[in-house]
């Protein structure tokens, strides 16, 4: 799914400065996101030699699940390694346009499998030398908290915009 979304972005919106991936049950506080992009993420990208990065909750040193009955099973054929490359947790993350362009240039160098987040922000990001910057401690939150954004002005659900 992310491969198709990134292909679409590269074809129709290749000049986008940032691309955000969210699950359909994710709430995005757009004014706060804009604040972080302007005050922190652009600065971080400027410090990276190739200027390509993903931002979000970075997961590190996790082994594949090898139980064929498990929802997140990954076969040795699809991923022969013992530990996944560091990758961004899938509920919400984003990358800059250059990061997307670089990973899409390397898609033929990796075996595809059913874990998009690991494939695109882990395996392909590693091949393409795209940084994965952990910001889980600041704004990527999960769980069933009551309204954690009391000044929320916009909610994005399943690609639809609700003021």
Protein backbone atom coordinates (compact mmCIF):
# COMPACT_ATOMS: atom_id res chain seq x y z
CA UNK A 1 0.00 0.00 0.00
CA UNK A 2 2.72 2.52 0.90
CA UNK A 3 4.52 1.72 -2.34
CA UNK A 4 1.47 2.79 -4.34
CA UNK A 5 1.03 5.91 -2.19
CA UNK A 6 4.67 6.88 -2.64
CA UNK A 7 4.48 6.23 -6.40
CA UNK A 8 1.44 8.50 -6.57
CA UNK A 9 3.24 11.18 -4.56
CA UNK A 10 6.27 11.01 -6.83
CA UNK A 11 4.15 11.23 -9.97
CA UNK A 12 1.58 13.86 -8.99
CA UNK A 13 3.04 15.73 -6.04
CA UNK A 14 6.81 15.31 -6.26
CA UNK A 15 7.46 18.83 -5.04
CA UNK A 16 5.84 18.14 -1.63
CA UNK A 17 8.27 19.13 1.09
CA UNK A 18 6.97 16.46 3.51
CA UNK A 19 4.82 13.35 3.18
CA UNK A 20 2.94 12.02 6.20
CA UNK A 21 1.70 8.47 6.62
CA UNK A 22 -1.02 7.91 9.21
CA UNK A 23 -3.37 5.10 10.07
CA UNK A 24 -7.07 5.81 9.66
CA UNK A 25 -7.53 6.06 13.42
CA UNK A 26 -4.83 8.70 13.92
CA UNK A 27 -5.55 12.28 14.94
CA UNK A 28 -3.21 14.94 13.57
CA UNK A 29 -2.91 18.32 15.29
CA UNK A 30 -1.98 20.29 12.16
CA UNK A 31 -0.95 23.57 13.85
CA UNK A 32 1.32 21.64 16.21
CA UNK A 33 2.73 19.57 13.34
CA UNK A 34 3.48 22.78 11.44
CA UNK A 35 5.24 24.14 14.53
CA UNK A 36 7.50 21.06 14.76
CA UNK A 37 8.27 21.09 11.05
CA UNK A 38 9.28 24.74 11.12
CA UNK A 39 11.06 24.78 14.50
CA UNK A 40 12.77 21.39 14.59
CA UNK A 41 12.48 19.03 11.63
CA UNK A 42 13.80 21.45 9.00
CA UNK A 43 16.76 22.15 11.28
CA UNK A 44 17.40 18.41 11.73
CA UNK A 45 17.30 17.79 7.98
CA UNK A 46 19.81 20.59 7.42
CA UNK A 47 22.28 18.70 9.66
CA UNK A 48 22.04 15.46 7.64
CA UNK A 49 24.59 15.19 4.80
CA UNK A 50 22.13 13.90 2.18
CA UNK A 51 19.16 15.90 3.57
CA UNK A 52 16.81 12.87 3.66
CA UNK A 53 14.96 11.69 6.77
CA UNK A 54 11.92 10.04 8.30
CA UNK A 55 10.54 11.32 11.61
CA UNK A 56 8.38 9.47 14.12
CA UNK A 57 8.64 6.68 16.66
CA UNK A 58 11.74 4.71 15.69
CA UNK A 59 11.73 1.04 16.64
CA UNK A 60 15.14 -0.56 17.09
CA UNK A 61 16.67 -4.04 17.26
CA UNK A 62 13.43 -5.98 16.84
CA UNK A 63 13.45 -9.55 15.53
CA UNK A 64 10.99 -10.79 12.91
CA UNK A 65 8.12 -12.96 14.14
CA UNK A 66 8.65 -16.42 12.65
CA UNK A 67 5.42 -18.08 13.84
CA UNK A 68 3.34 -18.77 10.68
CA UNK A 69 0.12 -18.43 12.69
CA UNK A 70 0.91 -14.90 13.84
CA UNK A 71 -0.59 -11.82 12.16
CA UNK A 72 2.87 -10.26 11.68
CA UNK A 73 4.65 -13.41 10.50
CA UNK A 74 7.64 -12.82 8.24
CA UNK A 75 9.24 -15.77 6.46
CA UNK A 76 12.99 -16.26 6.10
CA UNK A 77 12.42 -15.97 2.34
CA UNK A 78 11.05 -12.43 2.69
CA UNK A 79 13.46 -11.31 5.39
CA UNK A 80 16.43 -13.61 6.09
CA UNK A 81 17.99 -11.44 8.82
CA UNK A 82 17.70 -11.96 12.57
CA UNK A 83 16.98 -8.30 13.38
CA UNK A 84 15.02 -5.76 11.35
CA UNK A 85 16.77 -2.53 10.45
CA UNK A 86 15.58 0.35 12.61
CA UNK A 87 12.23 1.54 11.26
CA UNK A 88 9.39 3.95 11.98
CA UNK A 89 6.36 2.66 13.88
CA UNK A 90 3.40 2.63 11.53
CA UNK A 91 0.61 4.60 13.22
CA UNK A 92 2.11 7.89 12.12
CA UNK A 93 5.39 9.01 10.62
CA UNK A 94 6.55 11.30 7.90
CA UNK A 95 9.50 11.90 5.67
CA UNK A 96 10.71 14.70 3.53
CA UNK A 97 10.29 14.54 -0.24
CA UNK A 98 13.93 13.64 -0.79
CA UNK A 99 13.63 10.62 1.53
CA UNK A 100 10.66 9.33 -0.46
CA UNK A 101 12.45 9.89 -3.76
CA UNK A 102 15.56 8.04 -2.54
CA UNK A 103 13.73 4.98 -1.20
CA UNK A 104 11.65 4.72 -4.38
CA UNK A 105 14.87 4.65 -6.43
CA UNK A 106 15.92 1.50 -4.55
CA UNK A 107 12.70 -0.55 -4.52
CA UNK A 108 14.10 -3.17 -6.89
CA UNK A 109 16.92 -3.88 -4.43
CA UNK A 110 14.68 -5.30 -1.70
CA UNK A 111 12.30 -8.22 -1.47
CA UNK A 112 8.77 -6.96 -0.83
CA UNK A 113 6.76 -8.30 2.09
CA UNK A 114 3.60 -7.49 4.04
CA UNK A 115 5.16 -5.09 6.58
CA UNK A 116 5.21 -1.74 4.75
CA UNK A 117 6.72 0.23 7.60
CA UNK A 118 9.68 -2.11 7.92
CA UNK A 119 10.14 -2.40 4.16
CA UNK A 120 10.02 1.33 3.36
CA UNK A 121 11.33 3.05 6.49
CA UNK A 122 13.66 0.22 7.51
CA UNK A 123 15.09 -1.90 4.70
CA UNK A 124 14.80 0.61 1.84
CA UNK A 125 15.71 3.59 4.04
CA UNK A 126 18.87 1.75 5.08
CA UNK A 127 19.77 0.92 1.46
CA UNK A 128 19.10 4.54 0.41
CA UNK A 129 20.96 6.00 3.41
CA UNK A 130 17.87 7.81 4.69
CA UNK A 131 18.04 8.84 8.36
CA UNK A 132 15.33 7.71 10.77
CA UNK A 133 14.97 10.25 13.55
CA UNK A 134 13.17 9.28 16.74
CA UNK A 135 10.66 11.82 18.02
CA UNK A 136 8.45 9.43 19.96
CA UNK A 137 9.18 11.31 23.15
CA UNK A 138 7.71 14.56 21.93
CA UNK A 139 4.62 14.24 19.76
CA UNK A 140 3.97 10.78 18.37
CA UNK A 141 1.61 9.36 20.98
CA UNK A 142 -0.57 6.31 21.00
CA UNK A 143 -3.21 4.78 23.19
CA UNK A 144 -6.75 5.66 24.11
CA UNK A 145 -6.07 8.95 25.87
CA UNK A 146 -8.91 11.37 26.18
CA UNK A 147 -8.42 14.51 24.16
CA UNK A 148 -4.69 15.12 24.41
CA UNK A 149 -4.93 18.10 22.09
CA UNK A 150 -7.42 20.50 23.72
CA UNK A 151 -6.90 23.14 21.02
CA UNK A 152 -7.33 20.69 18.14
CA UNK A 153 -8.69 22.51 15.11
CA UNK A 154 -8.64 19.78 12.46
CA UNK A 155 -9.09 16.03 12.41
CA UNK A 156 -8.00 13.88 9.48
CA UNK A 157 -9.72 10.51 9.27
CA UNK A 158 -9.26 8.09 6.38
CA UNK A 159 -8.05 10.86 4.10
CA UNK A 160 -11.06 13.09 4.76
CA UNK A 161 -10.84 16.56 6.26
CA UNK A 162 -13.22 17.66 9.01
CA UNK A 163 -13.01 21.27 10.34
